[in-house]
Amino acid sequence: MSIQVDESICIGCALCVSMCDSVFAMNDEGISEVITNEVSDDMLADAEEARDCCPVGAIVIE
């Protein structure tokens, strides 16, 4: 499984971090980044919800 944030379109709203801080964090530039790709089923559900709620579609889960 791969979780990625497209930093070129992320607007730094931090919604993903508020929904799933075990997978996402804000970097020094104020852009979301993935802090782990090793996720449990519960974490995956939260990450998928964050992806679905991202206002610019910057999160990709494969």
Protein backbone atom coordinates (compact mmCIF):
# COMPACT_ATOMS: atom_id res chain seq x y z
CA MET A 1 0.00 0.00 0.00
CA SER A 2 1.16 3.47 -0.80
CA ILE A 3 -0.20 6.74 0.58
CA GLN A 4 1.05 9.95 -0.97
CA VAL A 5 0.30 13.65 -0.80
CA ASP A 6 0.75 15.63 -4.01
CA GLU A 7 2.61 18.58 -2.52
CA SER A 8 2.18 20.57 -5.72
CA ILE A 9 -1.58 20.89 -5.14
CA CYS A 10 -1.86 20.66 -1.33
CA ILE A 11 -3.17 23.96 0.07
CA GLY A 12 -2.15 23.22 3.66
CA CYS A 13 -5.63 23.23 5.17
CA ALA A 14 -4.57 20.43 7.59
CA LEU A 15 -7.92 18.64 7.36
CA CYS A 16 -6.10 15.34 6.76
CA VAL A 17 -4.00 15.85 9.89
CA SER A 18 -7.06 16.57 11.98
CA MET A 19 -8.73 13.43 10.63
CA CYS A 20 -5.73 11.07 10.68
CA ASP A 21 -2.69 12.40 12.55
CA SER A 22 -1.21 8.90 12.73
CA VAL A 23 -0.59 9.05 8.95
CA PHE A 24 -0.37 12.75 8.06
CA ALA A 25 1.55 15.72 9.48
CA MET A 26 2.27 19.26 8.36
CA ASN A 27 5.83 19.94 7.23
CA ASP A 28 7.87 23.10 7.77
CA GLU A 29 6.44 24.61 4.57
CA GLY A 30 2.87 24.17 5.85
CA ILE A 31 2.12 21.33 3.44
CA SER A 32 0.80 17.92 4.43
CA GLU A 33 3.12 14.93 4.26
CA VAL A 34 2.79 11.21 4.92
CA ILE A 35 4.61 10.12 8.06
CA THR A 36 4.03 6.37 7.66
CA ASN A 37 2.84 3.94 5.01
CA GLU A 38 2.48 1.11 7.53
CA VAL A 39 -1.15 1.43 8.48
CA SER A 40 -3.62 -0.76 10.32
CA ASP A 41 -7.13 -1.28 9.01
CA ASP A 42 -8.45 1.44 11.33
CA MET A 43 -5.76 3.87 10.20
CA LEU A 44 -6.48 3.02 6.57
CA ALA A 45 -10.16 3.83 7.02
CA ASP A 46 -9.22 7.20 8.55
CA ALA A 47 -6.69 7.89 5.77
CA GLU A 48 -9.29 7.05 3.12
CA GLU A 49 -11.78 9.39 4.78
CA ALA A 50 -9.13 12.13 4.82
CA ARG A 51 -8.46 11.48 1.12
CA ASP A 52 -12.16 11.71 0.34
CA CYS A 53 -12.50 14.98 2.29
CA CYS A 54 -9.38 16.68 0.89
CA PRO A 55 -10.70 19.84 -0.78
CA VAL A 56 -8.14 19.66 -3.60
CA GLY A 57 -7.76 15.88 -3.99
CA ALA A 58 -4.09 15.92 -3.01
CA ILE A 59 -4.10 12.49 -1.30
CA VAL A 60 -3.55 9.31 -3.30
CA ILE A 61 -3.91 5.82 -1.81
CA GLU A 62 -2.90 2.86 -3.99
